[in-house]
């Protein structure tokens, strides 16, 4: 028994959120303004009880606000509305915001964005997407210019001002994941916004417990390495948030009727 104990892997210490503070992390929204409004209602109903010694709770949105769902424009309007009231608010960039900005900058290079849900985003701004076959360069450029003209300036400023990651206590909040071989401050955009298998299937711990979205799960997942909260709201109608206090983690969900 003594030999077995010598070779057992030690249990890593539990990650802790900053003392005297409560936090929430909201998963991928993807154009579901109805789910987001419901989540705001849930968070605001508990804002007062989540305040600790004058410190307001903080909510981190993990990115992918646009695309796929029916109301990307409405989601951005809600995120810019000052809600949820009673919270400090932090906003991360996801791969879909990166792709949308890429289309605005160079539509020919980034026209695949429309196949990744960008067509639904264009429709939310009242813009007809170009045909998937037969569209010419001037069509793509025209749609990109039309989107930039239709987009309220505050939407563009919001999208270009999103954070790459947030570090709070022993937690790193990112959109997709991390390359565990690099320190947090040296992570590439490719890893923070797009990574899947190398991070999700790995066993090697990171310097932080990583909280992420990007890869949909049927139910939120939590282990000592990572916490996943993308419950596919644009299809499932369920938007999930993780709640942090001390070394405790729990989940809160806002569910609306599934589209269609």
Protein backbone atom coordinates (compact mmCIF):
# COMPACT_ATOMS: atom_id res chain seq x y z
CA UNK A 1 0.00 0.00 0.00
CA UNK A 2 2.89 2.31 0.75
CA UNK A 3 4.36 1.71 -2.73
CA UNK A 4 1.02 2.46 -4.36
CA UNK A 5 0.77 5.75 -2.53
CA UNK A 6 4.29 6.71 -3.67
CA UNK A 7 3.30 6.47 -7.33
CA UNK A 8 -0.20 7.89 -7.13
CA UNK A 9 -0.69 11.20 -8.86
CA UNK A 10 -1.36 13.92 -6.29
CA UNK A 11 -4.75 15.55 -6.56
CA UNK A 12 -4.25 19.13 -7.79
CA UNK A 13 -5.44 21.82 -5.41
CA UNK A 14 -8.88 23.19 -6.19
CA UNK A 15 -8.87 26.34 -8.30
CA UNK A 16 -10.15 29.39 -6.48
CA UNK A 17 -11.94 32.50 -7.66
CA UNK A 18 -10.67 35.79 -6.12
CA UNK A 19 -11.62 36.09 -2.46
CA UNK A 20 -14.66 38.22 -1.69
CA UNK A 21 -15.97 38.06 -5.25
CA UNK A 22 -18.59 36.12 -7.20
CA UNK A 23 -18.26 35.53 -10.93
CA UNK A 24 -20.26 34.11 -13.83
CA UNK A 25 -19.15 32.94 -17.28
CA UNK A 26 -21.76 32.84 -20.06
CA UNK A 27 -21.36 30.44 -22.98
CA UNK A 28 -21.84 30.95 -26.72
CA UNK A 29 -24.97 32.95 -27.60
CA UNK A 30 -24.93 32.72 -31.41
CA UNK A 31 -27.76 35.08 -32.28
CA UNK A 32 -30.20 33.90 -29.61
CA UNK A 33 -31.24 37.26 -28.18
CA UNK A 34 -34.22 35.58 -26.51
CA UNK A 35 -31.94 33.28 -24.49
CA UNK A 36 -29.65 36.19 -23.62
CA UNK A 37 -32.56 38.32 -22.36
CA UNK A 38 -33.67 35.39 -20.21
CA UNK A 39 -30.14 35.00 -18.81
CA UNK A 40 -30.03 38.72 -18.00
CA UNK A 41 -33.29 38.34 -16.06
CA UNK A 42 -31.88 35.41 -14.08
CA UNK A 43 -28.63 37.21 -13.27
CA UNK A 44 -30.29 40.51 -12.33
CA UNK A 45 -32.68 38.69 -9.99
CA UNK A 46 -29.69 37.53 -7.96
CA UNK A 47 -27.35 40.53 -8.37
CA UNK A 48 -27.93 41.87 -4.86
CA UNK A 49 -27.41 38.52 -3.15
CA UNK A 50 -24.20 37.96 -5.19
CA UNK A 51 -22.62 41.23 -4.03
CA UNK A 52 -19.87 40.71 -1.44
CA UNK A 53 -18.81 43.57 0.86
CA UNK A 54 -19.57 46.17 -1.78
CA UNK A 55 -17.91 44.26 -4.64
CA UNK A 56 -20.33 43.70 -7.49
CA UNK A 57 -20.32 40.27 -9.13
CA UNK A 58 -18.53 40.00 -12.47
CA UNK A 59 -19.88 38.30 -15.59
CA UNK A 60 -17.57 37.20 -18.42
CA UNK A 61 -19.11 36.54 -21.82
CA UNK A 62 -17.03 33.91 -23.63
CA UNK A 63 -17.57 35.06 -27.22
CA UNK A 64 -19.49 33.89 -30.30
CA UNK A 65 -22.30 36.40 -29.94
CA UNK A 66 -23.07 36.40 -33.67
CA UNK A 67 -23.92 33.93 -36.46
CA UNK A 68 -26.15 30.86 -36.80
CA UNK A 69 -29.04 32.09 -34.67
CA UNK A 70 -31.70 34.50 -35.98
CA UNK A 71 -30.88 37.75 -34.17
CA UNK A 72 -27.17 38.58 -34.02
CA UNK A 73 -27.92 42.30 -34.26
CA UNK A 74 -30.29 42.03 -31.30
CA UNK A 75 -27.67 40.17 -29.27
CA UNK A 76 -25.16 42.99 -29.78
CA UNK A 77 -27.83 45.55 -28.86
CA UNK A 78 -28.49 43.67 -25.61
CA UNK A 79 -24.80 43.35 -24.76
CA UNK A 80 -24.44 47.11 -25.24
CA UNK A 81 -27.52 47.93 -23.16
CA UNK A 82 -25.72 47.99 -19.79
CA UNK A 83 -27.30 44.72 -18.71
CA UNK A 84 -27.13 42.71 -16.60
CA UNK A 85 -27.52 45.55 -14.13
CA UNK A 86 -25.52 45.25 -10.92
CA UNK A 87 -22.62 43.39 -12.57
CA UNK A 88 -19.16 44.22 -13.81
CA UNK A 89 -19.13 43.02 -17.42
CA UNK A 90 -16.24 41.58 -19.49
CA UNK A 91 -16.48 40.46 -23.11
CA UNK A 92 -14.22 38.00 -24.95
CA UNK A 93 -13.75 37.61 -28.69
CA UNK A 94 -14.76 34.33 -30.30
CA UNK A 95 -13.85 32.85 -33.66
CA UNK A 96 -17.14 34.06 -35.14
CA UNK A 97 -16.43 37.69 -34.20
CA UNK A 98 -12.96 37.26 -35.70
CA UNK A 99 -14.48 35.87 -38.92
CA UNK A 100 -17.07 38.65 -39.12
CA UNK A 101 -14.41 41.34 -38.74
CA UNK A 102 -12.32 39.53 -41.34
CA UNK A 103 -15.22 39.70 -43.80
CA UNK A 104 -15.60 43.43 -43.19
CA UNK A 105 -11.88 43.92 -43.85
CA UNK A 106 -11.39 41.52 -46.78
CA UNK A 107 -14.61 39.91 -48.00
CA UNK A 108 -13.01 37.78 -50.72
CA UNK A 109 -10.50 36.24 -48.33
CA UNK A 110 -13.15 35.65 -45.66
CA UNK A 111 -16.24 34.82 -47.72
CA UNK A 112 -16.41 31.37 -46.04
CA UNK A 113 -17.81 33.28 -43.05
CA UNK A 114 -21.24 33.10 -44.71
CA UNK A 115 -21.15 29.30 -44.57
CA UNK A 116 -20.26 29.42 -40.86
CA UNK A 117 -23.42 31.29 -39.91
CA UNK A 118 -22.60 34.69 -41.33
CA UNK A 119 -25.58 34.56 -43.69
CA UNK A 120 -27.92 34.66 -40.69
CA UNK A 121 -26.00 37.63 -39.30
CA UNK A 122 -26.37 39.52 -42.58
CA UNK A 123 -30.11 38.86 -42.56
CA UNK A 124 -30.36 40.21 -39.01
CA UNK A 125 -29.00 43.51 -40.37
CA UNK A 126 -31.52 43.42 -43.24
CA UNK A 127 -28.93 42.43 -45.86
CA UNK A 128 -29.49 39.67 -48.41
CA UNK A 129 -26.46 37.36 -48.59
CA UNK A 130 -24.88 36.81 -52.02
CA UNK A 131 -25.73 33.52 -53.75
CA UNK A 132 -23.44 30.65 -52.69
CA UNK A 133 -22.68 29.90 -56.34
CA UNK A 134 -22.04 32.49 -59.04
CA UNK A 135 -21.40 35.58 -56.90
CA UNK A 136 -18.65 37.80 -58.30
CA UNK A 137 -16.00 39.80 -56.51
CA UNK A 138 -17.99 43.02 -56.71
CA UNK A 139 -20.97 41.21 -55.12
CA UNK A 140 -18.90 40.18 -52.10
CA UNK A 141 -17.36 43.62 -51.75
CA UNK A 142 -20.77 45.25 -52.04
CA UNK A 143 -22.27 43.07 -49.31
CA UNK A 144 -19.31 43.78 -47.01
CA UNK A 145 -19.68 47.53 -47.57
CA UNK A 146 -23.43 47.30 -47.04
CA UNK A 147 -22.91 45.50 -43.73
CA UNK A 148 -20.43 48.14 -42.57
CA UNK A 149 -22.90 50.88 -43.50
CA UNK A 150 -25.84 49.16 -41.78
CA UNK A 151 -23.91 48.31 -38.62
CA UNK A 152 -24.30 50.91 -35.85
CA UNK A 153 -20.90 52.43 -34.98
CA UNK A 154 -21.20 51.11 -31.43
CA UNK A 155 -21.47 47.55 -32.76
CA UNK A 156 -18.22 47.92 -34.70
CA UNK A 157 -16.46 49.50 -31.72
CA UNK A 158 -17.69 46.68 -29.49
CA UNK A 159 -16.45 43.98 -31.87
CA UNK A 160 -13.04 45.57 -32.32
CA UNK A 161 -12.60 46.11 -28.56
CA UNK A 162 -13.22 42.56 -27.35
CA UNK A 163 -10.70 40.96 -25.00
CA UNK A 164 -8.65 37.88 -25.92
CA UNK A 165 -8.78 36.32 -22.45
CA UNK A 166 -9.55 37.21 -18.84
CA UNK A 167 -7.55 35.96 -15.85
CA UNK A 168 -9.24 35.95 -12.44
CA UNK A 169 -7.74 34.08 -9.51
CA UNK A 170 -6.79 30.55 -10.58
CA UNK A 171 -9.08 30.71 -13.62
CA UNK A 172 -8.39 31.63 -17.25
CA UNK A 173 -11.49 32.55 -19.24
CA UNK A 174 -11.05 32.03 -22.99
CA UNK A 175 -13.28 31.32 -25.96
CA UNK A 176 -12.01 27.96 -27.24
CA UNK A 177 -9.09 26.75 -25.13
CA UNK A 178 -5.32 27.05 -24.81
CA UNK A 179 -2.07 25.49 -25.92
CA UNK A 180 -0.89 24.11 -22.57
CA UNK A 181 2.78 24.37 -23.65
CA UNK A 182 2.59 28.19 -23.67
CA UNK A 183 1.97 30.68 -20.85
CA UNK A 184 -1.39 32.43 -20.93
CA UNK A 185 0.06 35.72 -22.12
CA UNK A 186 1.76 33.96 -25.08
CA UNK A 187 -1.32 32.22 -26.45
CA UNK A 188 -2.01 32.78 -30.15
CA UNK A 189 -5.36 33.90 -31.54
CA UNK A 190 -5.56 30.56 -33.35
CA UNK A 191 -5.47 28.70 -30.04
CA UNK A 192 -7.65 31.07 -28.02
CA UNK A 193 -10.38 31.30 -30.68
CA UNK A 194 -10.23 27.98 -32.57
CA UNK A 195 -8.50 25.12 -30.70
CA UNK A 196 -10.41 21.89 -30.07
CA UNK A 197 -8.89 18.39 -29.94
CA UNK A 198 -5.36 19.06 -28.63
CA UNK A 199 -6.79 20.93 -25.68
CA UNK A 200 -10.03 19.01 -25.10
CA UNK A 201 -8.50 15.53 -25.26
CA UNK A 202 -5.27 16.37 -23.45
CA UNK A 203 -4.42 15.32 -19.91
CA UNK A 204 -1.67 17.81 -19.14
CA UNK A 205 -2.79 20.50 -16.68
CA UNK A 206 -2.40 24.17 -17.45
CA UNK A 207 -1.30 26.94 -15.10
CA UNK A 208 -4.99 27.85 -14.65
CA UNK A 209 -8.29 26.03 -14.69
CA UNK A 210 -9.63 27.00 -18.11
CA UNK A 211 -13.24 28.13 -18.62
CA UNK A 212 -14.33 28.01 -22.26
CA UNK A 213 -17.09 27.70 -24.83
CA UNK A 214 -16.67 27.05 -28.59
CA UNK A 215 -17.25 23.27 -28.55
CA UNK A 216 -20.92 22.48 -27.81
CA UNK A 217 -21.76 20.00 -25.07
CA UNK A 218 -25.12 18.52 -24.16
CA UNK A 219 -24.55 19.43 -20.51
CA UNK A 220 -21.89 21.70 -18.98
CA UNK A 221 -18.66 19.89 -18.21
CA UNK A 222 -16.28 20.43 -15.29
CA UNK A 223 -13.08 18.69 -14.24
CA UNK A 224 -9.87 19.88 -12.62
CA UNK A 225 -8.45 21.10 -15.99
CA UNK A 226 -11.37 22.85 -17.65
CA UNK A 227 -15.01 23.93 -17.53
CA UNK A 228 -17.10 23.93 -20.74
CA UNK A 229 -20.32 25.95 -20.92
CA UNK A 230 -21.33 26.08 -24.61
CA UNK A 231 -24.62 24.18 -24.60
CA UNK A 232 -25.44 25.02 -28.23
CA UNK A 233 -28.02 27.72 -27.52
CA UNK A 234 -28.73 28.41 -31.20
CA UNK A 235 -30.08 24.85 -31.56
CA UNK A 236 -30.93 23.71 -28.02
CA UNK A 237 -32.48 26.96 -26.80
CA UNK A 238 -30.42 26.61 -23.60
CA UNK A 239 -27.82 29.23 -22.70
CA UNK A 240 -25.59 28.22 -19.79
CA UNK A 241 -23.47 30.15 -17.30
CA UNK A 242 -21.03 28.87 -14.70
CA UNK A 243 -21.01 30.52 -11.28
CA UNK A 244 -17.77 30.84 -9.27
CA UNK A 245 -17.19 31.60 -5.61
CA UNK A 246 -14.14 30.45 -3.71
CA UNK A 247 -13.45 26.91 -4.91
CA UNK A 248 -17.10 26.21 -5.74
CA UNK A 249 -18.60 25.98 -9.25
CA UNK A 250 -22.25 25.59 -10.16
CA UNK A 251 -24.31 26.13 -13.29
CA UNK A 252 -27.25 28.34 -14.21
CA UNK A 253 -29.27 27.88 -17.41
CA UNK A 254 -31.72 30.04 -19.32
CA UNK A 255 -33.95 28.04 -21.67
CA UNK A 256 -36.28 29.26 -24.37
CA UNK A 257 -38.33 27.30 -26.86
CA UNK A 258 -36.09 25.81 -29.55
CA UNK A 259 -36.25 27.55 -32.92
CA UNK A 260 -38.55 26.13 -35.55
